[in-house]
Amino acid sequence: MAKLTHLDAAGRARMVDLTAKGETARRAVATCRIRMGSDAAHSLKTGAAAKGDVLAAARIAGIQAGKRTSQLIPLCHPVRTTHLSVEADFTDASTLELRAEAAGVDRTGMEMEAMVAAAVAALTVYDMLKAVDRSMVIGDLRLMEKSGGKSGDWRRAAP
């Protein structure tokens, strides 16, 4: 079993010391899905949501959240993010997939920034469409790929 780097010898949570690590270009992509009823999907697809442009708000919220990851996740390091983006596409009639990409040059990866961006984008969609459908389900938050750093490149295998 791999050693848990966020625990000290006594088992207490700690922030990993990155001082000796070199900076490299890093990139990560994460996705999150939100399943909704046909009325909410129709409202989103036609741009008829009462609160306005749902996808524009979700993109901005995801980007803002990605930049604030170290403030939200206690042991995450602040990183110099050079790129954050959030895109959205329906994978079927009622499932919207949010895809977040984070990139930068730093001593640690961008995985958490991408995952936080995707999750907050999905939460924003829920917030803006909840008047139409409170039964929406957010799930399937996952890292899809990462590159850079000592561990190199990784990509999720196709299902």
N, C-alpha and C. Protein backbone atom coordinates (compact mmCIF):
# COMPACT_ATOMS: atom_id res chain seq x y z
N MET A 1 0.84 -1.18 0.00
CA MET A 1 0.00 0.00 0.00
C MET A 1 0.88 1.24 0.00
N ALA A 2 0.51 2.23 -0.79
CA ALA A 2 1.29 3.46 -0.89
C ALA A 2 1.21 4.25 0.42
N LYS A 3 2.29 4.92 0.74
CA LYS A 3 2.34 5.76 1.93
C LYS A 3 1.45 6.98 1.72
N LEU A 4 0.67 7.31 2.74
CA LEU A 4 -0.18 8.50 2.66
C LEU A 4 0.66 9.73 2.97
N THR A 5 0.86 10.57 1.99
CA THR A 5 1.78 11.70 2.14
C THR A 5 1.22 12.85 2.95
N HIS A 6 -0.07 12.86 3.19
CA HIS A 6 -0.67 13.96 3.94
C HIS A 6 -0.79 13.65 5.43
N LEU A 7 -0.11 12.60 5.87
CA LEU A 7 -0.08 12.25 7.30
C LEU A 7 1.36 12.24 7.77
N ASP A 8 1.60 12.79 8.98
CA ASP A 8 2.95 12.72 9.54
C ASP A 8 3.13 11.38 10.24
N ALA A 9 4.29 11.17 10.88
CA ALA A 9 4.60 9.89 11.53
C ALA A 9 3.59 9.53 12.62
N ALA A 10 2.99 10.53 13.22
CA ALA A 10 2.00 10.30 14.29
C ALA A 10 0.58 10.16 13.74
N GLY A 11 0.42 10.23 12.41
CA GLY A 11 -0.91 10.09 11.82
C GLY A 11 -1.71 11.38 11.75
N ARG A 12 -1.07 12.50 12.01
CA ARG A 12 -1.76 13.79 11.95
C ARG A 12 -1.71 14.36 10.53
N ALA A 13 -2.77 15.05 10.15
CA ALA A 13 -2.83 15.68 8.83
C ALA A 13 -1.76 16.76 8.74
N ARG A 14 -1.14 16.84 7.56
CA ARG A 14 -0.12 17.86 7.32
C ARG A 14 -0.11 18.22 5.84
N MET A 15 0.41 19.38 5.56
CA MET A 15 0.59 19.79 4.17
C MET A 15 1.95 19.27 3.72
N VAL A 16 1.98 18.63 2.56
CA VAL A 16 3.22 18.05 2.03
C VAL A 16 4.21 19.17 1.70
N ASP A 17 5.47 18.97 2.04
CA ASP A 17 6.52 19.94 1.72
C ASP A 17 6.98 19.73 0.29
N LEU A 18 6.78 20.73 -0.55
CA LEU A 18 7.14 20.64 -1.97
C LEU A 18 8.42 21.38 -2.30
N THR A 19 9.12 21.86 -1.31
CA THR A 19 10.29 22.71 -1.52
C THR A 19 11.29 22.10 -2.49
N ALA A 20 11.57 20.82 -2.37
CA ALA A 20 12.60 20.19 -3.19
C ALA A 20 12.11 19.77 -4.58
N LYS A 21 10.84 19.85 -4.82
CA LYS A 21 10.30 19.42 -6.12
C LYS A 21 10.53 20.49 -7.18
N GLY A 22 10.77 20.06 -8.38
CA GLY A 22 10.96 21.00 -9.49
C GLY A 22 9.62 21.38 -10.11
N GLU A 23 9.59 22.54 -10.71
CA GLU A 23 8.39 22.99 -11.40
C GLU A 23 8.33 22.37 -12.79
N THR A 24 7.16 21.92 -13.16
CA THR A 24 6.94 21.39 -14.51
C THR A 24 5.57 21.85 -15.00
N ALA A 25 5.38 21.80 -16.30
CA ALA A 25 4.06 22.07 -16.87
C ALA A 25 3.14 20.93 -16.47
N ARG A 26 1.95 21.27 -16.03
CA ARG A 26 0.99 20.28 -15.56
C ARG A 26 -0.38 20.59 -16.12
N ARG A 27 -1.17 19.55 -16.33
CA ARG A 27 -2.51 19.72 -16.89
C ARG A 27 -3.39 18.60 -16.35
N ALA A 28 -4.66 18.90 -16.12
CA ALA A 28 -5.61 17.88 -15.68
C ALA A 28 -6.98 18.18 -16.28
N VAL A 29 -7.73 17.10 -16.55
CA VAL A 29 -9.09 17.21 -17.05
C VAL A 29 -9.98 16.37 -16.14
N ALA A 30 -11.10 16.94 -15.72
CA ALA A 30 -12.07 16.24 -14.89
C ALA A 30 -13.46 16.44 -15.47
N THR A 31 -14.35 15.50 -15.19
CA THR A 31 -15.74 15.63 -15.61
C THR A 31 -16.66 15.38 -14.44
N CYS A 32 -17.87 15.92 -14.57
CA CYS A 32 -18.94 15.71 -13.59
C CYS A 32 -20.24 15.73 -14.37
N ARG A 33 -21.18 14.90 -13.98
CA ARG A 33 -22.45 14.83 -14.70
C ARG A 33 -23.61 15.24 -13.80
N ILE A 34 -24.62 15.81 -14.44
CA ILE A 34 -25.85 16.14 -13.74
C ILE A 34 -27.01 15.60 -14.57
N ARG A 35 -27.78 14.72 -13.93
CA ARG A 35 -28.95 14.13 -14.59
C ARG A 35 -30.18 14.93 -14.19
N MET A 36 -31.03 15.22 -15.16
CA MET A 36 -32.19 16.07 -14.92
C MET A 36 -33.38 15.57 -15.70
N GLY A 37 -34.54 16.05 -15.30
CA GLY A 37 -35.77 15.71 -16.00
C GLY A 37 -35.87 16.43 -17.34
N SER A 38 -36.85 16.03 -18.13
CA SER A 38 -36.99 16.57 -19.48
C SER A 38 -37.30 18.07 -19.48
N ASP A 39 -38.06 18.56 -18.48
CA ASP A 39 -38.36 20.00 -18.44
C ASP A 39 -37.10 20.83 -18.20
N ALA A 40 -36.27 20.39 -17.27
CA ALA A 40 -35.02 21.12 -17.00
C ALA A 40 -34.09 21.05 -18.20
N ALA A 41 -33.99 19.87 -18.81
CA ALA A 41 -33.12 19.72 -19.99
C ALA A 41 -33.61 20.63 -21.12
N HIS A 42 -34.91 20.67 -21.32
CA HIS A 42 -35.47 21.53 -22.37
C HIS A 42 -35.18 23.00 -22.07
N SER A 43 -35.36 23.39 -20.82
CA SER A 43 -35.09 24.77 -20.41
C SER A 43 -33.62 25.14 -20.67
N LEU A 44 -32.73 24.21 -20.38
CA LEU A 44 -31.31 24.45 -20.59
C LEU A 44 -30.96 24.51 -22.08
N LYS A 45 -31.47 23.55 -22.83
CA LYS A 45 -31.16 23.48 -24.26
C LYS A 45 -31.71 24.67 -25.05
N THR A 46 -32.85 25.20 -24.63
CA THR A 46 -33.46 26.31 -25.37
C THR A 46 -33.09 27.68 -24.82
N GLY A 47 -32.33 27.69 -23.73
CA GLY A 47 -31.94 28.97 -23.13
C GLY A 47 -33.08 29.69 -22.45
N ALA A 48 -34.09 28.93 -22.01
CA ALA A 48 -35.30 29.52 -21.44
C ALA A 48 -35.32 29.51 -19.91
N ALA A 49 -34.18 29.29 -19.28
CA ALA A 49 -34.15 29.26 -17.82
C ALA A 49 -34.45 30.65 -17.26
N ALA A 50 -35.28 30.70 -16.23
CA ALA A 50 -35.70 31.98 -15.64
C ALA A 50 -34.52 32.77 -15.08
N LYS A 51 -33.49 32.10 -14.61
CA LYS A 51 -32.34 32.79 -14.01
C LYS A 51 -31.32 33.27 -15.03
N GLY A 52 -31.52 32.96 -16.31
CA GLY A 52 -30.60 33.45 -17.33
C GLY A 52 -29.78 32.36 -17.97
N ASP A 53 -28.60 32.73 -18.45
CA ASP A 53 -27.72 31.82 -19.18
C ASP A 53 -27.03 30.86 -18.22
N VAL A 54 -27.63 29.69 -18.06
CA VAL A 54 -27.15 28.70 -17.10
C VAL A 54 -25.72 28.27 -17.40
N LEU A 55 -25.42 27.96 -18.64
CA LEU A 55 -24.09 27.45 -18.96
C LEU A 55 -23.01 28.52 -18.81
N ALA A 56 -23.32 29.77 -19.13
CA ALA A 56 -22.34 30.84 -18.93
C ALA A 56 -22.03 30.99 -17.44
N ALA A 57 -23.06 30.97 -16.61
CA ALA A 57 -22.86 31.07 -15.16
C ALA A 57 -22.06 29.88 -14.64
N ALA A 58 -22.37 28.68 -15.14
CA ALA A 58 -21.66 27.47 -14.69
C ALA A 58 -20.18 27.53 -15.08
N ARG A 59 -19.89 27.99 -16.28
CA ARG A 59 -18.49 28.12 -16.70
C ARG A 59 -17.73 29.08 -15.79
N ILE A 60 -18.32 30.24 -15.56
CA ILE A 60 -17.65 31.25 -14.72
C ILE A 60 -17.48 30.73 -13.30
N ALA A 61 -18.52 30.12 -12.74
CA ALA A 61 -18.44 29.58 -11.38
C ALA A 61 -17.36 28.51 -11.28
N GLY A 62 -17.29 27.63 -12.28
CA GLY A 62 -16.27 26.59 -12.27
C GLY A 62 -14.87 27.16 -12.34
N ILE A 63 -14.67 28.15 -13.19
CA ILE A 63 -13.36 28.79 -13.30
C ILE A 63 -12.97 29.46 -11.99
N GLN A 64 -13.91 30.20 -11.39
CA GLN A 64 -13.63 30.86 -10.11
C GLN A 64 -13.29 29.83 -9.04
N ALA A 65 -14.04 28.76 -8.98
CA ALA A 65 -13.81 27.74 -7.96
C ALA A 65 -12.45 27.07 -8.16
N GLY A 66 -12.11 26.76 -9.41
CA GLY A 66 -10.81 26.15 -9.68
C GLY A 66 -9.67 27.00 -9.18
N LYS A 67 -9.79 28.32 -9.32
CA LYS A 67 -8.74 29.23 -8.85
C LYS A 67 -8.67 29.29 -7.33
N ARG A 68 -9.74 28.89 -6.65
CA ARG A 68 -9.78 28.96 -5.19
C ARG A 68 -9.66 27.60 -4.51
N THR A 69 -9.22 26.61 -5.23
CA THR A 69 -9.18 25.25 -4.69
C THR A 69 -8.44 25.17 -3.37
N SER A 70 -7.30 25.81 -3.25
CA SER A 70 -6.52 25.70 -2.01
C SER A 70 -7.24 26.35 -0.82
N GLN A 71 -8.20 27.21 -1.09
CA GLN A 71 -9.00 27.80 0.00
C GLN A 71 -10.14 26.88 0.42
N LEU A 72 -10.51 25.95 -0.46
CA LEU A 72 -11.63 25.06 -0.20
C LEU A 72 -11.20 23.69 0.32
N ILE A 73 -10.09 23.18 -0.17
CA ILE A 73 -9.59 21.86 0.20
C ILE A 73 -8.39 22.09 1.14
N PRO A 74 -8.51 21.73 2.40
CA PRO A 74 -7.55 22.16 3.42
C PRO A 74 -6.07 21.90 3.14
N LEU A 75 -5.71 20.76 2.57
CA LEU A 75 -4.29 20.44 2.40
C LEU A 75 -3.77 20.66 0.99
N CYS A 76 -4.57 21.27 0.13
CA CYS A 76 -4.12 21.59 -1.23
C CYS A 76 -3.22 22.81 -1.22
N HIS A 77 -2.17 22.74 -2.03
CA HIS A 77 -1.28 23.89 -2.18
C HIS A 77 -1.88 24.90 -3.14
N PRO A 78 -1.65 26.18 -2.92
CA PRO A 78 -1.99 27.15 -3.95
C PRO A 78 -1.07 26.91 -5.15
N VAL A 79 -1.62 26.91 -6.33
CA VAL A 79 -0.81 26.68 -7.53
C VAL A 79 -0.97 27.84 -8.50
N ARG A 80 0.01 28.00 -9.36
CA ARG A 80 -0.04 29.05 -10.37
C ARG A 80 -0.78 28.50 -11.59
N THR A 81 -2.05 28.68 -11.59
CA THR A 81 -2.89 28.20 -12.68
C THR A 81 -2.77 29.17 -13.85
N THR A 82 -2.47 28.64 -15.03
CA THR A 82 -2.35 29.48 -16.21
C THR A 82 -3.54 29.31 -17.15
N HIS A 83 -4.33 28.27 -16.92
CA HIS A 83 -5.50 28.03 -17.77
C HIS A 83 -6.55 27.26 -17.00
N LEU A 84 -7.79 27.70 -17.10
CA LEU A 84 -8.95 26.98 -16.57
C LEU A 84 -10.07 27.15 -17.56
N SER A 85 -10.74 26.06 -17.90
CA SER A 85 -11.90 26.16 -18.77
C SER A 85 -12.93 25.13 -18.34
N VAL A 86 -14.19 25.44 -18.65
CA VAL A 86 -15.30 24.52 -18.38
C VAL A 86 -16.17 24.49 -19.62
N GLU A 87 -16.44 23.30 -20.10
CA GLU A 87 -17.33 23.10 -21.25
C GLU A 87 -18.45 22.17 -20.82
N ALA A 88 -19.56 22.23 -21.54
CA ALA A 88 -20.72 21.40 -21.20
C ALA A 88 -21.35 20.83 -22.46
N ASP A 89 -21.71 19.56 -22.39
CA ASP A 89 -22.40 18.89 -23.49
C ASP A 89 -23.35 17.84 -22.92
N PHE A 90 -24.49 17.66 -23.57
CA PHE A 90 -25.39 16.58 -23.20
C PHE A 90 -24.84 15.27 -23.74
N THR A 91 -24.78 14.25 -22.88
CA THR A 91 -24.34 12.92 -23.31
C THR A 91 -25.53 12.07 -23.73
N ASP A 92 -26.71 12.45 -23.28
CA ASP A 92 -27.98 11.86 -23.72
C ASP A 92 -29.05 12.91 -23.47
N ALA A 93 -30.30 12.57 -23.63
CA ALA A 93 -31.39 13.56 -23.55
C ALA A 93 -31.48 14.25 -22.20
N SER A 94 -31.00 13.60 -21.13
CA SER A 94 -31.19 14.18 -19.80
C SER A 94 -29.92 14.27 -18.96
N THR A 95 -28.77 14.01 -19.53
CA THR A 95 -27.52 14.06 -18.76
C THR A 95 -26.56 15.08 -19.36
N LEU A 96 -26.22 16.07 -18.55
CA LEU A 96 -25.27 17.10 -18.95
C LEU A 96 -23.92 16.76 -18.34
N GLU A 97 -22.89 16.73 -19.17
CA GLU A 97 -21.54 16.50 -18.66
C GLU A 97 -20.76 17.80 -18.69
N LEU A 98 -20.19 18.17 -17.55
CA LEU A 98 -19.33 19.34 -17.43
C LEU A 98 -17.89 18.84 -17.48
N ARG A 99 -17.08 19.44 -18.35
CA ARG A 99 -15.68 19.04 -18.52
C ARG A 99 -14.80 20.23 -18.17
N ALA A 100 -13.96 20.06 -17.16
CA ALA A 100 -13.09 21.14 -16.72
C ALA A 100 -11.63 20.78 -17.00
N GLU A 101 -10.90 21.74 -17.49
CA GLU A 101 -9.47 21.57 -17.75
C GLU A 101 -8.70 22.64 -16.98
N ALA A 102 -7.66 22.21 -16.27
CA ALA A 102 -6.80 23.13 -15.53
C ALA A 102 -5.36 22.89 -15.96
N ALA A 103 -4.59 23.96 -16.11
CA ALA A 103 -3.18 23.83 -16.49
C ALA A 103 -2.37 24.89 -15.77
N GLY A 104 -1.09 24.61 -15.63
CA GLY A 104 -0.20 25.57 -15.00
C GLY A 104 1.21 25.02 -14.95
N VAL A 105 2.10 25.82 -14.39
CA VAL A 105 3.48 25.41 -14.17
C VAL A 105 3.73 25.54 -12.68
N ASP A 106 3.96 24.38 -12.04
CA ASP A 106 4.14 24.41 -10.59
C ASP A 106 4.80 23.13 -10.11
N ARG A 107 4.87 22.98 -8.78
CA ARG A 107 5.51 21.81 -8.17
C ARG A 107 4.53 20.68 -7.86
N THR A 108 3.26 20.94 -8.05
CA THR A 108 2.24 19.92 -7.79
C THR A 108 1.17 20.01 -8.87
N GLY A 109 0.37 18.98 -8.97
CA GLY A 109 -0.56 18.84 -10.09
C GLY A 109 -1.80 19.72 -10.03
N MET A 110 -2.56 19.65 -11.09
CA MET A 110 -3.77 20.45 -11.28
C MET A 110 -5.04 19.62 -11.15
N GLU A 111 -4.90 18.38 -10.65
CA GLU A 111 -6.06 17.49 -10.58
C GLU A 111 -7.20 18.07 -9.74
N MET A 112 -6.86 18.56 -8.57
CA MET A 112 -7.92 19.07 -7.67
C MET A 112 -8.58 20.32 -8.25
N GLU A 113 -7.80 21.16 -8.92
CA GLU A 113 -8.38 22.36 -9.53
C GLU A 113 -9.40 21.98 -10.60
N ALA A 114 -9.07 20.98 -11.41
CA ALA A 114 -10.01 20.54 -12.45
C ALA A 114 -11.25 19.91 -11.83
N MET A 115 -11.07 19.10 -10.79
CA MET A 115 -12.22 18.44 -10.17
C MET A 115 -13.13 19.44 -9.44
N VAL A 116 -12.55 20.39 -8.75
CA VAL A 116 -13.35 21.42 -8.07
C VAL A 116 -14.12 22.25 -9.10
N ALA A 117 -13.46 22.60 -10.19
CA ALA A 117 -14.13 23.38 -11.24
C ALA A 117 -15.33 22.63 -11.81
N ALA A 118 -15.16 21.34 -12.10
CA ALA A 118 -16.26 20.55 -12.66
C ALA A 118 -17.40 20.42 -11.66
N ALA A 119 -17.08 20.17 -10.39
CA ALA A 119 -18.11 20.00 -9.36
C ALA A 119 -18.91 21.28 -9.15
N VAL A 120 -18.22 22.41 -9.05
CA VAL A 120 -18.92 23.68 -8.81
C VAL A 120 -19.73 24.09 -10.03
N ALA A 121 -19.24 23.79 -11.21
CA ALA A 121 -20.03 24.07 -12.41
C ALA A 121 -21.34 23.28 -12.37
N ALA A 122 -21.28 22.01 -11.98
CA ALA A 122 -22.49 21.20 -11.87
C ALA A 122 -23.43 21.74 -10.79
N LEU A 123 -22.89 22.15 -9.67
CA LEU A 123 -23.71 22.73 -8.60
C LEU A 123 -24.40 24.01 -9.07
N THR A 124 -23.72 24.77 -9.89
CA THR A 124 -24.31 26.00 -10.43
C THR A 124 -25.47 25.69 -11.36
N VAL A 125 -25.32 24.67 -12.18
CA VAL A 125 -26.44 24.25 -13.04
C VAL A 125 -27.62 23.87 -12.16
N TYR A 126 -27.36 23.09 -11.11
CA TYR A 126 -28.45 22.70 -10.20
C TYR A 126 -29.12 23.95 -9.62
N ASP A 127 -28.33 24.87 -9.12
CA ASP A 127 -28.88 26.07 -8.50
C ASP A 127 -29.77 26.86 -9.46
N MET A 128 -29.33 26.96 -10.69
CA MET A 128 -30.07 27.78 -11.65
C MET A 128 -31.29 27.08 -12.23
N LEU A 129 -31.37 25.75 -12.11
CA LEU A 129 -32.51 25.02 -12.65
C LEU A 129 -33.39 24.36 -11.58
N LYS A 130 -33.06 24.56 -10.31
CA LYS A 130 -33.79 23.87 -9.25
C LYS A 130 -35.27 24.24 -9.19
N ALA A 131 -35.63 25.41 -9.67
CA ALA A 131 -37.05 25.78 -9.69
C ALA A 131 -37.84 24.91 -10.66
N VAL A 132 -37.15 24.38 -11.66
CA VAL A 132 -37.79 23.53 -12.66
C VAL A 132 -37.74 22.06 -12.23
N ASP A 133 -36.62 21.66 -11.58
CA ASP A 133 -36.42 20.24 -11.24
C ASP A 133 -35.53 20.10 -10.02
N ARG A 134 -36.13 19.86 -8.86
CA ARG A 134 -35.35 19.66 -7.63
C ARG A 134 -34.80 18.25 -7.51
N SER A 135 -35.19 17.36 -8.41
CA SER A 135 -34.74 15.96 -8.33
C SER A 135 -33.47 15.69 -9.13
N MET A 136 -32.84 16.73 -9.66
CA MET A 136 -31.59 16.53 -10.41
C MET A 136 -30.57 15.82 -9.53
N VAL A 137 -29.71 15.03 -10.15
CA VAL A 137 -28.69 14.28 -9.43
C VAL A 137 -27.33 14.62 -10.02
N ILE A 138 -26.42 15.05 -9.15
CA ILE A 138 -25.05 15.34 -9.55
C ILE A 138 -24.19 14.13 -9.16
N GLY A 139 -23.35 13.68 -10.08
CA GLY A 139 -22.49 12.54 -9.76
C GLY A 139 -21.42 12.34 -10.80
N ASP A 140 -20.78 11.19 -10.69
CA ASP A 140 -19.74 10.79 -11.64
C ASP A 140 -18.61 11.81 -11.75
N LEU A 141 -18.27 12.45 -10.63
CA LEU A 141 -17.12 13.36 -10.63
C LEU A 141 -15.86 12.51 -10.70
N ARG A 142 -15.03 12.78 -11.71
CA ARG A 142 -13.84 11.94 -11.88
C ARG A 142 -12.75 12.65 -12.65
N LEU A 143 -11.53 12.28 -12.30
CA LEU A 143 -10.37 12.72 -13.07
C LEU A 143 -10.32 11.90 -14.35
N MET A 144 -10.19 12.55 -15.47
CA MET A 144 -10.13 11.85 -16.76
C MET A 144 -8.70 11.68 -17.24
N GLU A 145 -7.88 12.70 -17.00
CA GLU A 145 -6.47 12.62 -17.41
C GLU A 145 -5.66 13.66 -16.68
N LYS A 146 -4.35 13.40 -16.59
CA LYS A 146 -3.42 14.37 -16.03
C LYS A 146 -2.08 14.19 -16.72
N SER A 147 -1.32 15.26 -16.76
CA SER A 147 0.02 15.17 -17.33
C SER A 147 0.96 16.06 -16.53
N GLY A 148 2.23 15.72 -16.60
CA GLY A 148 3.26 16.49 -15.92
C GLY A 148 3.65 15.88 -14.58
N GLY A 149 4.75 16.37 -14.06
CA GLY A 149 5.22 15.92 -12.76
C GLY A 149 5.97 14.61 -12.82
N LYS A 150 6.42 14.19 -11.65
CA LYS A 150 7.23 12.97 -11.53
C LYS A 150 6.47 11.72 -11.96
N SER A 151 5.17 11.69 -11.67
CA SER A 151 4.39 10.48 -12.01
C SER A 151 4.01 10.42 -13.49
N GLY A 152 4.27 11.50 -14.22
CA GLY A 152 4.04 11.49 -15.67
C GLY A 152 2.57 11.59 -16.05
N ASP A 153 2.26 11.01 -17.19
CA ASP A 153 0.91 11.12 -17.75
C ASP A 153 0.03 9.96 -17.29
N TRP A 154 -1.25 10.25 -17.15
CA TRP A 154 -2.24 9.25 -16.78
C TRP A 154 -3.54 9.57 -17.52
N ARG A 155 -4.21 8.55 -18.00
CA ARG A 155 -5.50 8.73 -18.67
C ARG A 155 -6.42 7.61 -18.22
N ARG A 156 -7.68 7.98 -17.88
CA ARG A 156 -8.68 6.98 -17.49
C ARG A 156 -8.96 6.06 -18.67
N ALA A 157 -8.99 4.78 -18.39
CA ALA A 157 -9.29 3.80 -19.43
C ALA A 157 -10.75 3.94 -19.86
N ALA A 158 -11.01 3.70 -21.12
CA ALA A 158 -12.39 3.76 -21.63
C ALA A 158 -13.22 2.70 -20.92
N PRO A 159 -14.50 3.01 -20.63
CA PRO A 159 -15.35 2.03 -19.91
C PRO A 159 -15.60 0.78 -20.75
